[in-house]
Amino acid sequence: MLCIIDYGSGNVGAIANICERERIPYQITDDPARFEGATHFLLPGVGAFDPTIEALRDSGIVTALETEVFERGKPIMGICVGMHLLANGSDEGAREGLGWIPGRVSRIDTRALNRPPHLPHMGWNSIEGDANDPLLAGIDRARGFYFLHSYFFDAQEAGDVVARVEYGGALPCIVRRGHVIGAQFHPEKSHANGIRLIKNFVGVT
């Protein structure tokens, strides 16, 4: 069962709609007591880094997730700001991130952008990545995904980067360390590719 974590930040309904259509078993909850019955976790996020990480910590969800993810080995995927929370910290704020994937969230360098509008990076963009990676199975990389962001996950280790998007440079857009995964784009707005990614993630063991 996919557990969509609802801590007041993120469009959980859109992800739930995908699960409904694709018959993916899921639950939406902010109750750590219900985490034990899940097999996978999805951490959405919309907004600024500091209030988002504060809401996640204050809810007690972080402690429960650490048990499920690291002691019980259950996969988790953060999307959009949910991805940023996995880093050590962010240029967008002063709070510490979860540090589950080493790296820092950095602002896209506008000096490298040669066409308006510069920021945010918004709309469809193709990606580059290993077609043999299970997360990208069946993904149309030329079509890519729908993006809306001004910050990116600057991974400390190149081996943690699964895919990149070109926008003023090759920016990581999918990162993974073991069964901890982050995706910069919005799967719920990315049509067939977004659906495929969620189904691939649920297949991750």
C-alpha atoms as a PDB file:
ATOM      1  CA  MET A   1       0.000   0.000   0.000  1.00  0.00           C
ATOM      2  CA  LEU A   2       1.230   3.473  -0.923  1.00  0.00           C
ATOM      3  CA  CYS A   3       1.016   5.933   1.959  1.00  0.00           C
ATOM      4  CA  ILE A   4       0.566   9.531   0.775  1.00  0.00           C
ATOM      5  CA  ILE A   5       1.659  11.671   3.682  1.00  0.00           C
ATOM      6  CA  ASP A   6      -0.634  14.604   4.342  1.00  0.00           C
ATOM      7  CA  TYR A   7       1.034  17.154   6.598  1.00  0.00           C
ATOM      8  CA  GLY A   8      -0.618  20.233   5.120  1.00  0.00           C
ATOM      9  CA  SER A   9       1.823  20.799   2.265  1.00  0.00           C
ATOM     10  CA  GLY A  10       1.141  19.356  -1.154  1.00  0.00           C
ATOM     11  CA  ASN A  11      -1.572  18.395  -3.570  1.00  0.00           C
ATOM     12  CA  VAL A  12      -2.285  14.954  -2.151  1.00  0.00           C
ATOM     13  CA  GLY A  13      -5.643  14.736  -3.944  1.00  0.00           C
ATOM     14  CA  ALA A  14      -4.064  14.707  -7.396  1.00  0.00           C
ATOM     15  CA  ILE A  15      -1.792  11.803  -6.454  1.00  0.00           C
ATOM     16  CA  ALA A  16      -4.756   9.985  -4.944  1.00  0.00           C
ATOM     17  CA  ASN A  17      -6.655  10.414  -8.217  1.00  0.00           C
ATOM     18  CA  ILE A  18      -3.847   8.644 -10.071  1.00  0.00           C
ATOM     19  CA  CYS A  19      -3.952   5.803  -7.565  1.00  0.00           C
ATOM     20  CA  GLU A  20      -7.701   5.511  -7.989  1.00  0.00           C
ATOM     21  CA  ARG A  21      -7.483   5.334 -11.782  1.00  0.00           C
ATOM     22  CA  GLU A  22      -4.580   2.897 -11.785  1.00  0.00           C
ATOM     23  CA  ARG A  23      -5.984   0.774  -8.950  1.00  0.00           C
ATOM     24  CA  ILE A  24      -2.932   1.327  -6.773  1.00  0.00           C
ATOM     25  CA  PRO A  25      -3.789   0.611  -3.141  1.00  0.00           C
ATOM     26  CA  TYR A  26      -3.208   3.771  -1.119  1.00  0.00           C
ATOM     27  CA  GLN A  27      -4.048   5.743   1.962  1.00  0.00           C
ATOM     28  CA  ILE A  28      -3.790   9.450   2.783  1.00  0.00           C
ATOM     29  CA  THR A  29      -2.810  10.105   6.369  1.00  0.00           C
ATOM     30  CA  ASP A  30      -0.978  12.364   8.781  1.00  0.00           C
ATOM     31  CA  ASP A  31      -1.158   9.721  11.524  1.00  0.00           C
ATOM     32  CA  PRO A  32       2.164   7.925  12.147  1.00  0.00           C
ATOM     33  CA  ALA A  33       0.232   5.106  13.797  1.00  0.00           C
ATOM     34  CA  ARG A  34      -1.015   4.114  10.336  1.00  0.00           C
ATOM     35  CA  PHE A  35       2.438   3.989   8.735  1.00  0.00           C
ATOM     36  CA  GLU A  36       3.139   0.404   9.727  1.00  0.00           C
ATOM     37  CA  GLY A  37       0.592  -0.943   7.245  1.00  0.00           C
ATOM     38  CA  ALA A  38       2.208   0.828   4.283  1.00  0.00           C
ATOM     39  CA  THR A  39       4.771  -0.633   1.905  1.00  0.00           C
ATOM     40  CA  HIS A  40       5.808   2.657   0.217  1.00  0.00           C
ATOM     41  CA  PHE A  41       5.668   6.313   1.203  1.00  0.00           C
ATOM     42  CA  LEU A  42       5.132   9.406  -0.906  1.00  0.00           C
ATOM     43  CA  LEU A  43       6.139  12.776   0.533  1.00  0.00           C
ATOM     44  CA  PRO A  44       4.587  15.678  -1.401  1.00  0.00           C
ATOM     45  CA  GLY A  45       5.459  19.307  -0.844  1.00  0.00           C
ATOM     46  CA  VAL A  46       4.458  22.706  -2.154  1.00  0.00           C
ATOM     47  CA  GLY A  47       5.791  25.977  -0.745  1.00  0.00           C
ATOM     48  CA  ALA A  48       8.918  27.241   0.987  1.00  0.00           C
ATOM     49  CA  PHE A  49      11.537  24.998   2.565  1.00  0.00           C
ATOM     50  CA  ASP A  50      11.578  26.210   6.195  1.00  0.00           C
ATOM     51  CA  PRO A  51       7.841  26.125   6.999  1.00  0.00           C
ATOM     52  CA  THR A  52       7.538  22.795   5.187  1.00  0.00           C
ATOM     53  CA  ILE A  53      10.305  21.057   7.136  1.00  0.00           C
ATOM     54  CA  GLU A  54       9.016  22.609  10.366  1.00  0.00           C
ATOM     55  CA  ALA A  55       5.518  21.269   9.738  1.00  0.00           C
ATOM     56  CA  LEU A  56       6.918  17.819   9.020  1.00  0.00           C
ATOM     57  CA  ARG A  57       9.046  17.736  12.173  1.00  0.00           C
ATOM     58  CA  ASP A  58       6.402  19.270  14.461  1.00  0.00           C
ATOM     59  CA  SER A  59       3.883  16.626  13.401  1.00  0.00           C
ATOM     60  CA  GLY A  60       6.075  13.764  14.644  1.00  0.00           C
ATOM     61  CA  ILE A  61       6.076  12.269  11.161  1.00  0.00           C
ATOM     62  CA  VAL A  62       9.867  12.417  10.747  1.00  0.00           C
ATOM     63  CA  THR A  63      10.572  10.102  13.679  1.00  0.00           C
ATOM     64  CA  ALA A  64       7.991   7.593  12.483  1.00  0.00           C
ATOM     65  CA  LEU A  65       9.320   7.687   8.916  1.00  0.00           C
ATOM     66  CA  GLU A  66      12.866   7.061  10.094  1.00  0.00           C
ATOM     67  CA  THR A  67      11.644   3.840  11.671  1.00  0.00           C
ATOM     68  CA  GLU A  68       9.711   2.744   8.584  1.00  0.00           C
ATOM     69  CA  VAL A  69      12.321   3.754   6.006  1.00  0.00           C
ATOM     70  CA  PHE A  70      15.601   2.925   7.722  1.00  0.00           C
ATOM     71  CA  GLU A  71      14.727   0.197  10.204  1.00  0.00           C
ATOM     72  CA  ARG A  72      12.076  -1.563   8.120  1.00  0.00           C
ATOM     73  CA  GLY A  73      13.511  -0.745   4.692  1.00  0.00           C
ATOM     74  CA  LYS A  74      10.403   0.752   3.084  1.00  0.00           C
ATOM     75  CA  PRO A  75      10.907   2.981   0.000  1.00  0.00           C
ATOM     76  CA  ILE A  76      10.020   6.669   0.102  1.00  0.00           C
ATOM     77  CA  MET A  77       9.794   9.253  -2.670  1.00  0.00           C
ATOM     78  CA  GLY A  78       9.701  12.996  -2.122  1.00  0.00           C
ATOM     79  CA  ILE A  79       8.303  15.141  -4.925  1.00  0.00           C
ATOM     80  CA  CYS A  80       8.894  18.847  -5.559  1.00  0.00           C
ATOM     81  CA  VAL A  81       9.634  20.445  -2.165  1.00  0.00           C
ATOM     82  CA  GLY A  82       9.250  16.960  -0.702  1.00  0.00           C
ATOM     83  CA  MET A  83      12.408  16.114  -2.652  1.00  0.00           C
ATOM     84  CA  HIS A  84      14.206  19.164  -1.237  1.00  0.00           C
ATOM     85  CA  LEU A  85      13.454  18.047   2.312  1.00  0.00           C
ATOM     86  CA  LEU A  86      15.636  14.984   1.730  1.00  0.00           C
ATOM     87  CA  ALA A  87      18.754  17.189   1.410  1.00  0.00           C
ATOM     88  CA  ASN A  88      20.984  18.489   4.206  1.00  0.00           C
ATOM     89  CA  GLY A  89      19.650  22.015   3.764  1.00  0.00           C
ATOM     90  CA  SER A  90      18.472  24.630   1.300  1.00  0.00           C
ATOM     91  CA  ASP A  91      19.529  28.054   0.098  1.00  0.00           C
ATOM     92  CA  GLU A  92      15.841  28.907   0.354  1.00  0.00           C
ATOM     93  CA  GLY A  93      15.863  28.723   4.149  1.00  0.00           C
ATOM     94  CA  ALA A  94      17.890  28.338   7.322  1.00  0.00           C
ATOM     95  CA  ARG A  95      16.520  25.059   8.712  1.00  0.00           C
ATOM     96  CA  GLU A  96      18.288  21.720   8.446  1.00  0.00           C
ATOM     97  CA  GLY A  97      16.836  19.201   6.037  1.00  0.00           C
ATOM     98  CA  LEU A  98      16.438  15.504   6.687  1.00  0.00           C
ATOM     99  CA  GLY A  99      19.871  14.688   5.259  1.00  0.00           C
ATOM    100  CA  TRP A 100      18.701  11.352   3.862  1.00  0.00           C
ATOM    101  CA  ILE A 101      20.423  12.010   0.529  1.00  0.00           C
ATOM    102  CA  PRO A 102      23.634  14.061   0.900  1.00  0.00           C
ATOM    103  CA  GLY A 103      23.418  17.367  -0.910  1.00  0.00           C
ATOM    104  CA  ARG A 104      22.079  20.880  -0.751  1.00  0.00           C
ATOM    105  CA  VAL A 105      19.194  22.605  -2.478  1.00  0.00           C
ATOM    106  CA  SER A 106      20.543  25.508  -4.524  1.00  0.00           C
ATOM    107  CA  ARG A 107      18.886  28.299  -6.480  1.00  0.00           C
ATOM    108  CA  ILE A 108      19.111  27.937 -10.244  1.00  0.00           C
ATOM    109  CA  ASP A 109      21.791  30.332 -11.507  1.00  0.00           C
ATOM    110  CA  THR A 110      19.949  32.920 -13.599  1.00  0.00           C
ATOM    111  CA  ARG A 111      23.254  34.017 -15.155  1.00  0.00           C
ATOM    112  CA  ALA A 112      23.270  30.723 -17.062  1.00  0.00           C
ATOM    113  CA  LEU A 113      19.799  31.257 -18.528  1.00  0.00           C
ATOM    114  CA  ASN A 114      19.697  32.828 -21.959  1.00  0.00           C
ATOM    115  CA  ARG A 115      15.972  33.072 -22.564  1.00  0.00           C
ATOM    116  CA  PRO A 116      13.033  34.513 -20.609  1.00  0.00           C
ATOM    117  CA  PRO A 117      11.234  33.787 -18.436  1.00  0.00           C
ATOM    118  CA  HIS A 118      14.239  32.896 -16.345  1.00  0.00           C
ATOM    119  CA  LEU A 119      12.649  31.647 -13.123  1.00  0.00           C
ATOM    120  CA  PRO A 120      10.785  29.669 -12.209  1.00  0.00           C
ATOM    121  CA  HIS A 121      11.599  26.819 -14.558  1.00  0.00           C
ATOM    122  CA  MET A 122       8.030  26.093 -15.582  1.00  0.00           C
ATOM    123  CA  GLY A 123       6.478  23.719 -18.084  1.00  0.00           C
ATOM    124  CA  TRP A 124       7.401  20.535 -19.888  1.00  0.00           C
ATOM    125  CA  ASN A 125      11.037  19.594 -20.332  1.00  0.00           C
ATOM    126  CA  SER A 126      12.801  16.473 -21.507  1.00  0.00           C
ATOM    127  CA  ILE A 127      15.148  14.560 -19.238  1.00  0.00           C
ATOM    128  CA  GLU A 128      18.331  12.545 -19.618  1.00  0.00           C
ATOM    129  CA  GLY A 129      18.882   9.379 -17.656  1.00  0.00           C
ATOM    130  CA  ASP A 130      19.630   5.670 -17.815  1.00  0.00           C
ATOM    131  CA  ALA A 131      16.794   4.015 -19.713  1.00  0.00           C
ATOM    132  CA  ASN A 132      17.655   0.753 -17.943  1.00  0.00           C
ATOM    133  CA  ASP A 133      16.999   2.221 -14.520  1.00  0.00           C
ATOM    134  CA  PRO A 134      13.784   0.702 -13.105  1.00  0.00           C
ATOM    135  CA  LEU A 135      12.435   4.145 -12.199  1.00  0.00           C
ATOM    136  CA  LEU A 136      12.620   5.221 -15.853  1.00  0.00           C
ATOM    137  CA  ALA A 137      11.173   2.044 -17.364  1.00  0.00           C
ATOM    138  CA  GLY A 138       8.548   2.989 -19.935  1.00  0.00           C
ATOM    139  CA  ILE A 139       9.225   6.726 -19.528  1.00  0.00           C
ATOM    140  CA  ASP A 140       9.260   8.884 -22.671  1.00  0.00           C
ATOM    141  CA  ARG A 141      12.378  10.871 -21.812  1.00  0.00           C
ATOM    142  CA  ALA A 142      11.990  13.168 -24.820  1.00  0.00           C
ATOM    143  CA  ARG A 143       8.542  14.170 -23.589  1.00  0.00           C
ATOM    144  CA  GLY A 144       9.800  14.437 -20.034  1.00  0.00           C
ATOM    145  CA  PHE A 145       7.864  15.899 -17.144  1.00  0.00           C
ATOM    146  CA  TYR A 146       6.132  19.079 -16.003  1.00  0.00           C
ATOM    147  CA  PHE A 147       8.395  21.310 -13.892  1.00  0.00           C
ATOM    148  CA  LEU A 148       7.734  24.294 -11.658  1.00  0.00           C
ATOM    149  CA  HIS A 149      10.723  25.299  -9.532  1.00  0.00           C
ATOM    150  CA  SER A 150      13.455  27.850  -8.888  1.00  0.00           C
ATOM    151  CA  TYR A 151      15.680  25.583  -6.784  1.00  0.00           C
ATOM    152  CA  PHE A 152      17.305  22.245  -7.538  1.00  0.00           C
ATOM    153  CA  PHE A 153      18.814  19.359  -5.581  1.00  0.00           C
ATOM    154  CA  ASP A 154      22.603  19.645  -5.875  1.00  0.00           C
ATOM    155  CA  ALA A 155      23.537  16.079  -4.971  1.00  0.00           C
ATOM    156  CA  GLN A 156      26.855  15.561  -3.203  1.00  0.00           C
ATOM    157  CA  GLU A 157      27.484  12.239  -4.940  1.00  0.00           C
ATOM    158  CA  ALA A 158      27.079  11.923  -8.713  1.00  0.00           C
ATOM    159  CA  GLY A 159      26.069   8.299  -8.215  1.00  0.00           C
ATOM    160  CA  ASP A 160      22.909   9.446  -6.425  1.00  0.00           C
ATOM    161  CA  VAL A 161      21.628  11.201  -9.571  1.00  0.00           C
ATOM    162  CA  VAL A 162      19.239   9.077 -11.657  1.00  0.00           C
ATOM    163  CA  ALA A 163      18.200  11.729 -14.199  1.00  0.00           C
ATOM    164  CA  ARG A 164      18.919  15.339 -15.153  1.00  0.00           C
ATOM    165  CA  VAL A 165      17.029  18.135 -16.863  1.00  0.00           C
ATOM    166  CA  GLU A 166      18.666  20.849 -18.969  1.00  0.00           C
ATOM    167  CA  TYR A 167      17.878  24.365 -17.768  1.00  0.00           C
ATOM    168  CA  GLY A 168      20.877  26.654 -17.598  1.00  0.00           C
ATOM    169  CA  GLY A 169      22.891  23.508 -16.990  1.00  0.00           C
ATOM    170  CA  ALA A 170      22.272  19.819 -16.406  1.00  0.00           C
ATOM    171  CA  LEU A 171      20.310  19.851 -13.157  1.00  0.00           C
ATOM    172  CA  PRO A 172      19.496  16.698 -11.177  1.00  0.00           C
ATOM    173  CA  CYS A 173      15.763  16.019 -11.375  1.00  0.00           C
ATOM    174  CA  ILE A 174      15.621  12.491  -9.942  1.00  0.00           C
ATOM    175  CA  VAL A 175      17.931  11.472  -7.108  1.00  0.00           C
ATOM    176  CA  ARG A 176      18.122   8.242  -5.201  1.00  0.00           C
ATOM    177  CA  ARG A 177      20.161   6.721  -2.432  1.00  0.00           C
ATOM    178  CA  GLY A 178      19.057   3.160  -1.905  1.00  0.00           C
ATOM    179  CA  HIS A 179      15.302   3.213  -1.428  1.00  0.00           C
ATOM    180  CA  VAL A 180      15.143   6.965  -0.718  1.00  0.00           C
ATOM    181  CA  ILE A 181      14.106   8.821  -3.888  1.00  0.00           C
ATOM    182  CA  GLY A 182      13.443  12.423  -4.845  1.00  0.00           C
ATOM    183  CA  ALA A 183      11.749  13.816  -7.967  1.00  0.00           C
ATOM    184  CA  GLN A 184      11.831  17.529  -8.785  1.00  0.00           C
ATOM    185  CA  PHE A 185       8.903  17.652 -11.216  1.00  0.00           C
ATOM    186  CA  HIS A 186       5.180  17.162 -10.670  1.00  0.00           C
ATOM    187  CA  PRO A 187       4.128  13.587 -11.556  1.00  0.00           C
ATOM    188  CA  GLU A 188       0.476  14.536 -11.077  1.00  0.00           C
ATOM    189  CA  LYS A 189       0.798  17.078 -13.929  1.00  0.00           C
ATOM    190  CA  SER A 190       2.964  14.921 -16.170  1.00  0.00           C
ATOM    191  CA  HIS A 191       0.254  12.744 -17.717  1.00  0.00           C
ATOM    192  CA  ALA A 192       1.402   9.286 -18.843  1.00  0.00           C
ATOM    193  CA  ASN A 193       4.992   9.783 -17.710  1.00  0.00           C
ATOM    194  CA  GLY A 194       3.919  10.839 -14.234  1.00  0.00           C
ATOM    195  CA  ILE A 195       1.618   7.853 -13.911  1.00  0.00           C
ATOM    196  CA  ARG A 196       4.346   5.537 -15.125  1.00  0.00           C
ATOM    197  CA  LEU A 197       6.828   6.931 -12.608  1.00  0.00           C
ATOM    198  CA  ILE A 198       4.468   6.365  -9.684  1.00  0.00           C
ATOM    199  CA  LYS A 199       3.772   2.824 -10.858  1.00  0.00           C
ATOM    200  CA  ASN A 200       7.509   2.203 -11.223  1.00  0.00           C
ATOM    201  CA  PHE A 201       8.086   3.542  -7.732  1.00  0.00           C
ATOM    202  CA  VAL A 202       5.471   1.282  -6.218  1.00  0.00           C
ATOM    203  CA  GLY A 203       7.343  -1.593  -7.845  1.00  0.00           C
ATOM    204  CA  VAL A 204      10.580  -0.596  -6.097  1.00  0.00           C
ATOM    205  CA  THR A 205      11.527  -3.030  -3.342  1.00  0.00           C
END
